[in-house]
């Protein structure tokens, strides 16, 4: 006989993955402050192969409006600069021969609103994932009545437990979105 706790735990794990993915996606959205995670999408040609920027340089944030990139090999500084220009960052790098500095410009009101929309879309995608995990868990519980002989009252209690977990995760998504929205809209 299948244990209903296992089915609930499997659903909760899927919901946790959705939250982790949302957190990761929101960290990549630029909020007017220097954040080294915005460089995760930058690829640099290194010995003929595109590699992530963090594999060829040290990325630091000396102040709230500057990202400093120190290449491990001086000869690839031009490749790093080209990788940044080719990316979708929209920031022009300043190269002094030793390090590359990225000045993070303040966001315009229009750009802030676009970023909030992007955050809202990411949050909505996470909610859809959580709802799908809930649906899958409830479907598995309903099947367990027929196939494994789980009593209906046990299944209904497990369904209520899945719903409670779902509500908790939806609330967490809303909190993450609200925090990111506040961060983006703060001038």
Protein backbone atom coordinates (compact mmCIF):
# COMPACT_ATOMS: atom_id res chain seq x y z
CA UNK A 1 0.00 0.00 0.00
CA UNK A 2 1.31 3.44 -0.93
CA UNK A 3 1.81 5.78 1.98
CA UNK A 4 -0.07 9.06 1.49
CA UNK A 5 2.76 10.88 3.26
CA UNK A 6 5.10 9.93 0.42
CA UNK A 7 2.71 11.40 -2.15
CA UNK A 8 2.38 14.59 -0.11
CA UNK A 9 6.17 14.82 0.27
CA UNK A 10 6.69 14.39 -3.48
CA UNK A 11 4.25 17.25 -4.16
CA UNK A 12 5.95 19.44 -1.58
CA UNK A 13 9.36 18.81 -3.17
CA UNK A 14 8.07 19.95 -6.57
CA UNK A 15 6.68 23.09 -4.94
CA UNK A 16 10.02 23.74 -3.24
CA UNK A 17 11.80 23.49 -6.59
CA UNK A 18 9.38 26.08 -8.02
CA UNK A 19 10.21 28.49 -5.17
CA UNK A 20 13.97 27.96 -5.60
CA UNK A 21 13.70 28.55 -9.35
CA UNK A 22 11.69 31.75 -8.79
CA UNK A 23 14.26 33.00 -6.30
CA UNK A 24 17.04 32.34 -8.81
CA UNK A 25 15.16 34.08 -11.64
CA UNK A 26 14.36 37.13 -9.53
CA UNK A 27 18.01 37.47 -8.51
CA UNK A 28 18.94 37.89 -12.20
CA UNK A 29 16.64 40.89 -12.63
CA UNK A 30 18.55 44.14 -12.29
CA UNK A 31 17.12 46.40 -9.61
CA UNK A 32 19.29 49.51 -10.03
CA UNK A 33 21.95 48.21 -7.66
CA UNK A 34 25.11 46.39 -8.62
CA UNK A 35 24.52 42.65 -8.46
CA UNK A 36 27.10 40.18 -9.83
CA UNK A 37 24.32 37.69 -10.71
CA UNK A 38 23.30 39.84 -13.68
CA UNK A 39 26.55 38.70 -15.33
CA UNK A 40 25.58 35.00 -15.19
CA UNK A 41 24.26 35.19 -18.75
CA UNK A 42 27.53 36.63 -20.15
CA UNK A 43 29.62 34.18 -22.18
CA UNK A 44 33.28 34.84 -23.03
CA UNK A 45 35.30 33.20 -25.81
CA UNK A 46 38.14 31.42 -24.03
CA UNK A 47 40.49 29.32 -26.17
CA UNK A 48 37.80 29.03 -28.84
CA UNK A 49 34.94 27.98 -26.58
CA UNK A 50 32.24 30.13 -24.95
CA UNK A 51 32.47 29.90 -21.16
CA UNK A 52 30.65 31.75 -18.36
CA UNK A 53 32.33 35.00 -17.32
CA UNK A 54 32.81 33.74 -13.76
CA UNK A 55 35.05 30.93 -15.11
CA UNK A 56 37.66 33.39 -16.43
CA UNK A 57 37.47 36.35 -14.04
CA UNK A 58 36.74 37.48 -10.52
CA UNK A 59 33.58 39.57 -10.19
CA UNK A 60 33.34 41.98 -7.25
CA UNK A 61 31.02 44.80 -6.20
CA UNK A 62 33.09 47.63 -4.68
CA UNK A 63 30.06 49.92 -4.24
CA UNK A 64 26.31 50.02 -4.92
CA UNK A 65 26.66 51.31 -8.51
CA UNK A 66 29.79 49.49 -9.76
CA UNK A 67 30.72 45.94 -10.73
CA UNK A 68 34.43 45.25 -11.12
CA UNK A 69 35.69 42.35 -13.25
CA UNK A 70 39.30 41.25 -12.81
CA UNK A 71 40.37 38.73 -15.48
CA UNK A 72 42.65 35.90 -14.43
CA UNK A 73 44.65 36.32 -17.65
CA UNK A 74 45.31 39.85 -18.93
CA UNK A 75 45.13 38.79 -22.59
CA UNK A 76 41.39 37.92 -22.39
CA UNK A 77 40.30 41.37 -21.22
CA UNK A 78 39.16 42.26 -24.76
CA UNK A 79 37.18 39.00 -25.01
CA UNK A 80 35.43 39.78 -21.71
CA UNK A 81 34.62 43.28 -22.94
CA UNK A 82 33.21 41.84 -26.19
CA UNK A 83 31.16 39.27 -24.26
CA UNK A 84 29.59 42.02 -22.14
CA UNK A 85 28.82 44.16 -25.19
CA UNK A 86 27.29 41.16 -27.01
CA UNK A 87 25.08 40.26 -24.03
CA UNK A 88 21.65 41.76 -23.36
CA UNK A 89 22.84 43.74 -20.33
CA UNK A 90 22.80 47.12 -22.05
CA UNK A 91 25.81 48.33 -20.05
CA UNK A 92 28.99 49.63 -21.67
CA UNK A 93 32.14 48.34 -19.94
CA UNK A 94 35.05 50.62 -19.01
CA UNK A 95 38.39 48.93 -19.64
CA UNK A 96 41.59 50.36 -18.12
CA UNK A 97 43.84 47.48 -19.21
CA UNK A 98 43.85 45.84 -15.76
CA UNK A 99 40.17 45.55 -14.79
CA UNK A 100 36.79 46.17 -16.37
CA UNK A 101 34.31 48.36 -14.54
CA UNK A 102 30.58 48.35 -15.18
CA UNK A 103 28.78 51.44 -13.98
CA UNK A 104 25.19 50.53 -13.19
CA UNK A 105 23.02 53.43 -14.36
CA UNK A 106 19.95 54.40 -12.36
CA UNK A 107 16.75 52.94 -13.78
CA UNK A 108 14.12 55.13 -15.41
CA UNK A 109 10.52 54.93 -14.20
CA UNK A 110 9.50 53.19 -17.45
CA UNK A 111 12.28 50.60 -17.12
CA UNK A 112 11.31 49.96 -13.49
CA UNK A 113 7.73 49.24 -14.56
CA UNK A 114 8.99 46.81 -17.24
CA UNK A 115 11.12 45.01 -14.65
CA UNK A 116 8.15 44.77 -12.26
CA UNK A 117 6.10 43.21 -15.09
CA UNK A 118 8.93 40.73 -15.68
CA UNK A 119 9.00 39.89 -11.95
CA UNK A 120 5.22 39.42 -11.95
CA UNK A 121 5.49 37.03 -14.92
CA UNK A 122 8.17 34.98 -13.13
CA UNK A 123 5.99 34.85 -10.00
CA UNK A 124 2.99 33.74 -12.08
CA UNK A 125 5.05 30.97 -13.69
CA UNK A 126 6.09 29.78 -10.22
CA UNK A 127 2.44 29.78 -9.08
CA UNK A 128 1.52 27.67 -12.11
CA UNK A 129 4.26 25.18 -11.19
CA UNK A 130 3.00 24.99 -7.61
CA UNK A 131 -0.59 24.47 -8.79
CA UNK A 132 0.57 21.73 -11.16
CA UNK A 133 2.42 20.01 -8.30
CA UNK A 134 -0.77 20.20 -6.19
CA UNK A 135 -2.85 18.76 -9.03
CA UNK A 136 -0.36 15.91 -9.57
CA UNK A 137 -0.33 15.08 -5.85
CA UNK A 138 -4.14 15.09 -5.61
CA UNK A 139 -4.43 12.95 -8.76
CA UNK A 140 -1.97 10.44 -7.29
CA UNK A 141 -3.97 10.39 -4.04
CA UNK A 142 -7.24 9.75 -5.92
CA UNK A 143 -5.63 6.93 -7.88
CA UNK A 144 -4.38 5.39 -4.63
CA UNK A 145 -8.01 4.84 -3.53
CA UNK A 146 -8.67 2.58 -6.49
CA UNK A 147 -5.32 0.92 -6.99
CA UNK A 148 -4.01 0.58 -3.43
CA UNK A 149 -7.18 0.52 -1.38
CA UNK A 150 -6.46 3.71 0.57
CA UNK A 151 -9.57 4.65 2.59
CA UNK A 152 -11.46 7.68 1.27
CA UNK A 153 -11.29 9.58 4.54
CA UNK A 154 -7.48 9.18 4.62
CA UNK A 155 -7.32 10.41 1.03
CA UNK A 156 -9.48 13.45 1.85
CA UNK A 157 -7.27 14.31 4.84
CA UNK A 158 -4.18 14.01 2.64
CA UNK A 159 -5.84 16.22 0.02
CA UNK A 160 -6.49 18.87 2.67
CA UNK A 161 -2.83 18.63 3.73
CA UNK A 162 -1.69 19.14 0.11
CA UNK A 163 -3.96 22.19 -0.13
CA UNK A 164 -2.44 23.66 3.07
CA UNK A 165 1.07 23.16 1.68
CA UNK A 166 -0.04 24.72 -1.63
CA UNK A 167 -1.43 27.78 0.17
CA UNK A 168 1.82 28.17 2.13
CA UNK A 169 3.91 28.11 -1.07
CA UNK A 170 1.61 30.54 -2.92
CA UNK A 171 1.96 32.94 0.04
CA UNK A 172 5.76 32.56 -0.13
CA UNK A 173 5.71 33.37 -3.88
CA UNK A 174 3.65 36.49 -3.18
CA UNK A 175 6.15 37.54 -0.49
CA UNK A 176 9.13 37.04 -2.83
CA UNK A 177 7.40 39.03 -5.57
CA UNK A 178 6.44 41.86 -3.20
CA UNK A 179 10.00 42.11 -1.90
CA UNK A 180 11.47 42.22 -5.42
CA UNK A 181 8.86 44.75 -6.56
CA UNK A 182 9.76 46.99 -3.63
CA UNK A 183 13.48 46.61 -4.43
CA UNK A 184 12.95 47.50 -8.11
CA UNK A 185 10.66 50.46 -7.48
CA UNK A 186 12.86 51.99 -4.76
CA UNK A 187 14.82 54.87 -6.27
